[in-house]
C-alpha atoms as a PDB file:
ATOM      1  CA  MET A   1       9.257  22.920  50.481  1.00  0.00           C
ATOM      2  CA  LYS A   2       6.338  25.513  50.623  1.00  0.00           C
ATOM      3  CA  LYS A   3       3.603  25.147  48.064  1.00  0.00           C
ATOM      4  CA  THR A   4       2.221  27.630  45.285  1.00  0.00           C
ATOM      5  CA  ALA A   5      -1.494  28.373  45.397  1.00  0.00           C
ATOM      6  CA  VAL A   6      -3.106  28.847  42.127  1.00  0.00           C
ATOM      7  CA  LEU A   7      -6.326  30.825  42.155  1.00  0.00           C
ATOM      8  CA  LEU A   8      -8.992  30.026  39.576  1.00  0.00           C
ATOM      9  CA  TYR A   9     -12.277  31.856  38.584  1.00  0.00           C
ATOM     10  CA  ASP A  10     -14.713  31.472  35.927  1.00  0.00           C
ATOM     11  CA  SER A  11     -13.705  32.014  32.477  1.00  0.00           C
ATOM     12  CA  PHE A  12      -9.915  31.667  33.497  1.00  0.00           C
ATOM     13  CA  CYS A  13      -7.361  31.290  30.645  1.00  0.00           C
ATOM     14  CA  ASN A  14      -5.780  28.027  30.848  1.00  0.00           C
ATOM     15  CA  PHE A  15      -2.905  28.408  28.417  1.00  0.00           C
ATOM     16  CA  GLU A  16      -1.661  31.495  30.298  1.00  0.00           C
ATOM     17  CA  ILE A  17      -0.584  29.461  33.185  1.00  0.00           C
ATOM     18  CA  SER A  18       0.328  26.251  31.298  1.00  0.00           C
ATOM     19  CA  VAL A  19       4.209  26.807  31.232  1.00  0.00           C
ATOM     20  CA  ALA A  20       4.272  28.172  34.700  1.00  0.00           C
ATOM     21  CA  MET A  21       2.339  24.949  35.930  1.00  0.00           C
ATOM     22  CA  GLU A  22       4.626  22.731  33.947  1.00  0.00           C
ATOM     23  CA  VAL A  23       7.873  24.514  35.344  1.00  0.00           C
ATOM     24  CA  LEU A  24       6.321  23.792  39.076  1.00  0.00           C
ATOM     25  CA  VAL A  25       5.901  20.076  38.242  1.00  0.00           C
ATOM     26  CA  LEU A  26       9.133  19.711  36.687  1.00  0.00           C
ATOM     27  CA  GLY A  27      10.646  21.539  39.861  1.00  0.00           C
ATOM     28  CA  GLY A  28       8.891  19.243  42.372  1.00  0.00           C
ATOM     29  CA  LYS A  29       6.822  22.249  43.633  1.00  0.00           C
ATOM     30  CA  GLU A  30       3.401  21.157  45.091  1.00  0.00           C
ATOM     31  CA  VAL A  31       0.532  23.334  43.672  1.00  0.00           C
ATOM     32  CA  VAL A  32      -2.927  23.659  45.210  1.00  0.00           C
ATOM     33  CA  VAL A  33      -5.795  24.795  43.204  1.00  0.00           C
ATOM     34  CA  PHE A  34      -8.130  27.300  45.040  1.00  0.00           C
ATOM     35  CA  GLY A  35     -11.472  28.469  44.171  1.00  0.00           C
ATOM     36  CA  ALA A  36     -14.187  30.742  45.838  1.00  0.00           C
ATOM     37  CA  THR A  37     -15.929  27.349  46.429  1.00  0.00           C
ATOM     38  CA  LYS A  38     -15.122  23.776  45.560  1.00  0.00           C
ATOM     39  CA  GLU A  39     -17.706  23.807  42.735  1.00  0.00           C
ATOM     40  CA  PRO A  40     -16.286  23.227  39.363  1.00  0.00           C
ATOM     41  CA  ILE A  41     -14.738  26.165  37.546  1.00  0.00           C
ATOM     42  CA  ARG A  42     -14.826  26.428  33.625  1.00  0.00           C
ATOM     43  CA  SER A  43     -12.133  27.890  31.626  1.00  0.00           C
ATOM     44  CA  GLU A  44     -12.449  30.061  28.980  1.00  0.00           C
ATOM     45  CA  ASP A  45     -11.919  26.975  26.652  1.00  0.00           C
ATOM     46  CA  GLY A  46     -14.369  24.704  28.413  1.00  0.00           C
ATOM     47  CA  LEU A  47     -11.950  22.706  30.780  1.00  0.00           C
ATOM     48  CA  LEU A  48     -13.451  22.389  33.921  1.00  0.00           C
ATOM     49  CA  VAL A  49     -11.610  22.213  37.060  1.00  0.00           C
ATOM     50  CA  ILE A  50     -12.565  21.241  40.664  1.00  0.00           C
ATOM     51  CA  PRO A  51     -10.471  23.354  43.167  1.00  0.00           C
ATOM     52  CA  GLN A  52      -8.834  21.208  45.881  1.00  0.00           C
ATOM     53  CA  LYS A  53      -9.706  24.042  48.541  1.00  0.00           C
ATOM     54  CA  GLU A  54     -12.007  27.076  48.816  1.00  0.00           C
ATOM     55  CA  LEU A  55     -10.415  30.421  49.778  1.00  0.00           C
ATOM     56  CA  SER A  56     -11.321  30.070  53.673  1.00  0.00           C
ATOM     57  CA  GLU A  57      -9.074  26.931  53.794  1.00  0.00           C
ATOM     58  CA  LEU A  58      -6.061  28.805  53.044  1.00  0.00           C
ATOM     59  CA  ASP A  59      -3.119  28.536  55.749  1.00  0.00           C
ATOM     60  CA  ILE A  60      -0.799  31.082  54.430  1.00  0.00           C
ATOM     61  CA  GLU A  61       2.267  29.495  56.477  1.00  0.00           C
ATOM     62  CA  GLU A  62       2.037  26.696  53.859  1.00  0.00           C
ATOM     63  CA  TYR A  63       2.632  28.778  50.887  1.00  0.00           C
ATOM     64  CA  ASP A  64       5.335  30.865  49.227  1.00  0.00           C
ATOM     65  CA  SER A  65       3.615  31.990  46.127  1.00  0.00           C
ATOM     66  CA  LEU A  66       0.678  32.737  44.160  1.00  0.00           C
ATOM     67  CA  LEU A  67      -0.151  32.128  40.503  1.00  0.00           C
ATOM     68  CA  LEU A  68      -3.059  34.117  38.860  1.00  0.00           C
ATOM     69  CA  PRO A  69      -4.270  33.600  35.349  1.00  0.00           C
ATOM     70  CA  GLY A  70      -6.102  36.023  33.058  1.00  0.00           C
ATOM     71  CA  ALA A  71      -9.799  35.456  32.172  1.00  0.00           C
ATOM     72  CA  MET A  72     -12.336  36.372  29.488  1.00  0.00           C
ATOM     73  CA  ASP A  73     -14.267  38.341  32.343  1.00  0.00           C
ATOM     74  CA  ILE A  74     -12.699  39.082  35.692  1.00  0.00           C
ATOM     75  CA  ARG A  75     -15.391  41.157  37.032  1.00  0.00           C
ATOM     76  CA  GLU A  76     -17.038  38.615  39.505  1.00  0.00           C
ATOM     77  CA  ALA A  77     -13.753  37.807  40.984  1.00  0.00           C
ATOM     78  CA  ILE A  78     -12.389  41.339  41.314  1.00  0.00           C
ATOM     79  CA  GLU A  79     -15.680  42.374  42.940  1.00  0.00           C
ATOM     80  CA  ASN A  80     -15.572  39.438  45.516  1.00  0.00           C
ATOM     81  CA  PRO A  81     -14.084  40.757  48.621  1.00  0.00           C
ATOM     82  CA  ARG A  82     -13.132  37.309  49.776  1.00  0.00           C
ATOM     83  CA  VAL A  83     -11.047  37.090  46.722  1.00  0.00           C
ATOM     84  CA  ILE A  84      -9.211  40.159  47.142  1.00  0.00           C
ATOM     85  CA  ASP A  85      -8.722  39.507  50.958  1.00  0.00           C
ATOM     86  CA  PHE A  86      -7.159  35.944  49.647  1.00  0.00           C
ATOM     87  CA  ILE A  87      -4.826  37.941  47.681  1.00  0.00           C
ATOM     88  CA  LYS A  88      -3.800  40.377  50.134  1.00  0.00           C
ATOM     89  CA  GLN A  89      -2.598  37.451  52.216  1.00  0.00           C
ATOM     90  CA  PHE A  90       0.267  36.949  49.661  1.00  0.00           C
ATOM     91  CA  ASP A  91       1.721  40.324  49.735  1.00  0.00           C
ATOM     92  CA  ASN A  92       5.464  39.905  50.250  1.00  0.00           C
ATOM     93  CA  LYS A  93       5.472  36.341  48.737  1.00  0.00           C
ATOM     94  CA  ILE A  94       6.355  35.493  45.097  1.00  0.00           C
ATOM     95  CA  ILE A  95       3.265  36.310  42.956  1.00  0.00           C
ATOM     96  CA  GLY A  96       2.818  35.748  39.072  1.00  0.00           C
ATOM     97  CA  ALA A  97      -0.266  37.385  37.499  1.00  0.00           C
ATOM     98  CA  ILE A  98      -0.756  37.415  33.794  1.00  0.00           C
ATOM     99  CA  SER A  99      -3.017  39.048  31.436  1.00  0.00           C
ATOM    100  CA  ILE A 100      -5.665  40.968  33.254  1.00  0.00           C
ATOM    101  CA  ALA A 101      -5.035  39.141  36.596  1.00  0.00           C
ATOM    102  CA  PRO A 102      -2.663  42.079  37.647  1.00  0.00           C
ATOM    103  CA  ILE A 103      -5.540  44.319  38.012  1.00  0.00           C
ATOM    104  CA  MET A 104      -6.614  42.246  41.008  1.00  0.00           C
ATOM    105  CA  LEU A 105      -3.331  42.831  42.466  1.00  0.00           C
ATOM    106  CA  VAL A 106      -3.962  46.650  41.992  1.00  0.00           C
ATOM    107  CA  ARG A 107      -7.296  46.302  43.823  1.00  0.00           C
ATOM    108  CA  ALA A 108      -5.499  44.261  46.747  1.00  0.00           C
ATOM    109  CA  GLY A 109      -3.042  47.104  47.145  1.00  0.00           C
ATOM    110  CA  ILE A 110      -0.176  45.198  46.033  1.00  0.00           C
ATOM    111  CA  LEU A 111       0.767  46.791  42.886  1.00  0.00           C
ATOM    112  CA  LEU A 112      -0.228  50.504  43.985  1.00  0.00           C
ATOM    113  CA  GLY A 113       2.165  52.876  42.426  1.00  0.00           C
ATOM    114  CA  LYS A 114       4.432  50.067  41.023  1.00  0.00           C
ATOM    115  CA  ALA A 115       5.357  49.074  37.527  1.00  0.00           C
ATOM    116  CA  PHE A 116       3.245  46.071  35.857  1.00  0.00           C
ATOM    117  CA  MET A 117       2.056  44.648  32.767  1.00  0.00           C
ATOM    118  CA  ALA A 118      -1.535  43.868  32.045  1.00  0.00           C
ATOM    119  CA  GLY A 119      -3.463  42.626  29.164  1.00  0.00           C
ATOM    120  CA  VAL A 120      -5.845  45.540  29.222  1.00  0.00           C
ATOM    121  CA  ASN A 121      -5.781  49.143  28.371  1.00  0.00           C
ATOM    122  CA  LYS A 122      -6.172  51.682  31.101  1.00  0.00           C
ATOM    123  CA  GLU A 123      -9.017  53.337  29.373  1.00  0.00           C
ATOM    124  CA  GLU A 124     -11.041  50.270  29.446  1.00  0.00           C
ATOM    125  CA  ILE A 125     -10.869  49.981  33.312  1.00  0.00           C
ATOM    126  CA  MET A 126     -10.724  53.496  34.353  1.00  0.00           C
ATOM    127  CA  GLY A 127     -14.579  53.455  34.591  1.00  0.00           C
ATOM    128  CA  GLU A 128     -14.442  50.356  36.727  1.00  0.00           C
ATOM    129  CA  GLY A 129     -13.521  52.118  39.905  1.00  0.00           C
ATOM    130  CA  PHE A 130      -9.642  52.604  39.099  1.00  0.00           C
ATOM    131  CA  SER A 131      -7.922  55.954  39.246  1.00  0.00           C
ATOM    132  CA  GLU A 132      -5.241  57.321  36.965  1.00  0.00           C
ATOM    133  CA  GLU A 133      -2.933  57.371  40.107  1.00  0.00           C
ATOM    134  CA  GLU A 134      -3.568  53.646  40.601  1.00  0.00           C
ATOM    135  CA  LEU A 135      -2.724  52.805  36.976  1.00  0.00           C
ATOM    136  CA  SER A 136       0.007  55.382  36.436  1.00  0.00           C
ATOM    137  CA  GLN A 137       2.786  52.634  36.187  1.00  0.00           C
ATOM    138  CA  MET A 138       0.799  50.292  34.198  1.00  0.00           C
ATOM    139  CA  ILE A 139       1.787  49.012  30.819  1.00  0.00           C
ATOM    140  CA  GLY A 140      -1.305  48.321  28.958  1.00  0.00           C
ATOM    141  CA  TRP A 141      -1.942  45.848  26.131  1.00  0.00           C
ATOM    142  CA  ASP A 142      -1.694  48.578  23.377  1.00  0.00           C
ATOM    143  CA  ASP A 143       1.437  50.240  25.082  1.00  0.00           C
ATOM    144  CA  ASN A 144       3.106  46.790  24.656  1.00  0.00           C
ATOM    145  CA  LEU A 145       2.081  46.450  21.274  1.00  0.00           C
ATOM    146  CA  LYS A 146       3.598  49.866  20.215  1.00  0.00           C
ATOM    147  CA  ASN A 147       6.696  49.526  22.495  1.00  0.00           C
ATOM    148  CA  PRO A 148       7.011  45.701  23.480  1.00  0.00           C
ATOM    149  CA  VAL A 149       8.772  45.084  26.911  1.00  0.00           C
ATOM    150  CA  GLN A 150      12.226  43.390  25.862  1.00  0.00           C
ATOM    151  CA  MET A 151      11.981  40.681  28.331  1.00  0.00           C
ATOM    152  CA  GLY A 152       8.222  39.937  27.870  1.00  0.00           C
ATOM    153  CA  PHE A 153       7.519  40.619  31.561  1.00  0.00           C
ATOM    154  CA  VAL A 154       7.865  43.020  34.335  1.00  0.00           C
ATOM    155  CA  VAL A 155       9.241  42.047  37.798  1.00  0.00           C
ATOM    156  CA  THR A 156       8.358  44.522  40.357  1.00  0.00           C
ATOM    157  CA  ASP A 157       9.800  43.483  43.805  1.00  0.00           C
ATOM    158  CA  ASN A 158       8.314  39.858  44.350  1.00  0.00           C
ATOM    159  CA  VAL A 159       5.590  40.200  41.417  1.00  0.00           C
ATOM    160  CA  VAL A 160       6.102  39.086  37.921  1.00  0.00           C
ATOM    161  CA  THR A 161       3.346  40.249  35.371  1.00  0.00           C
ATOM    162  CA  SER A 162       2.805  39.786  31.818  1.00  0.00           C
ATOM    163  CA  VAL A 163       0.453  39.476  28.945  1.00  0.00           C
ATOM    164  CA  SER A 164      -0.898  36.482  27.368  1.00  0.00           C
ATOM    165  CA  TYR A 165       1.286  36.169  24.400  1.00  0.00           C
ATOM    166  CA  ASN A 166       4.231  36.218  26.409  1.00  0.00           C
ATOM    167  CA  PHE A 167       3.195  32.963  28.633  1.00  0.00           C
ATOM    168  CA  VAL A 168       6.083  31.117  27.975  1.00  0.00           C
ATOM    169  CA  ARG A 169       8.697  33.796  29.238  1.00  0.00           C
ATOM    170  CA  PHE A 170       6.324  34.535  32.176  1.00  0.00           C
ATOM    171  CA  GLY A 171       6.028  30.891  33.346  1.00  0.00           C
ATOM    172  CA  LEU A 172       9.949  30.613  33.186  1.00  0.00           C
ATOM    173  CA  LYS A 173      10.468  33.636  35.079  1.00  0.00           C
ATOM    174  CA  PHE A 174       8.039  32.662  37.750  1.00  0.00           C
ATOM    175  CA  GLY A 175       9.806  29.554  38.201  1.00  0.00           C
ATOM    176  CA  ALA A 176      13.131  31.153  38.372  1.00  0.00           C
ATOM    177  CA  MET A 177      11.795  33.333  41.184  1.00  0.00           C
ATOM    178  CA  LEU A 178      11.051  30.211  42.869  1.00  0.00           C
ATOM    179  CA  GLY A 179      14.280  28.852  42.251  1.00  0.00           C
ATOM    180  CA  ILE A 180      13.495  26.631  39.532  1.00  0.00           C
ATOM    181  CA  ASP A 181      15.600  27.335  36.448  1.00  0.00           C
ATOM    182  CA  LEU A 182      14.862  25.431  33.339  1.00  0.00           C
ATOM    183  CA  PRO A 183      16.362  26.460  30.005  1.00  0.00           C
ATOM    184  CA  PRO A 184      14.390  28.368  27.671  1.00  0.00           C
ATOM    185  CA  GLU A 185      14.850  25.693  25.226  1.00  0.00           C
ATOM    186  CA  THR A 186      12.668  23.399  27.283  1.00  0.00           C
ATOM    187  CA  PHE A 187       9.662  25.469  25.955  1.00  0.00           C
ATOM    188  CA  GLY A 188      11.181  26.159  22.564  1.00  0.00           C
ATOM    189  CA  ILE A 189      12.645  29.651  23.033  1.00  0.00           C
END
């Protein structure tokens, strides 16, 4: 069975991927945590995680999926060409990205012109080098509050995206896309 890569970066949001991680474990899926380096990475809630591998150690043939958490501040990760190149290698594989992480998929060219959800508003990132065209299909934070996406996530091709408060549904869908179908009751929904 191929593995799932989990890419972590400073101030990552642990709870947003907690259900997805549990689904993977319950499904017997091997998970490998990557970081830009093997130095400990601090989550937004203070948890320190030591990556198993750094970006350069990726052998893409061993992986069928990528999981990306949101973060309090994703600028350092999104401006790191090594991070974006790492993500690009997962194009056409199953990807789960929650909160602000889908913006990295836009930067990597994976979600260009495609529908996705993100836990940020377009106006907040337009000044960060993104064009209206790149974000034209984005369902932002305020958009989703006004008109909630019924399922709690958006699936476009092989990518599932969501916002933080839908982390349970997001995690279950990511697992289902990998053939791990758990009943929603497992996580109280």
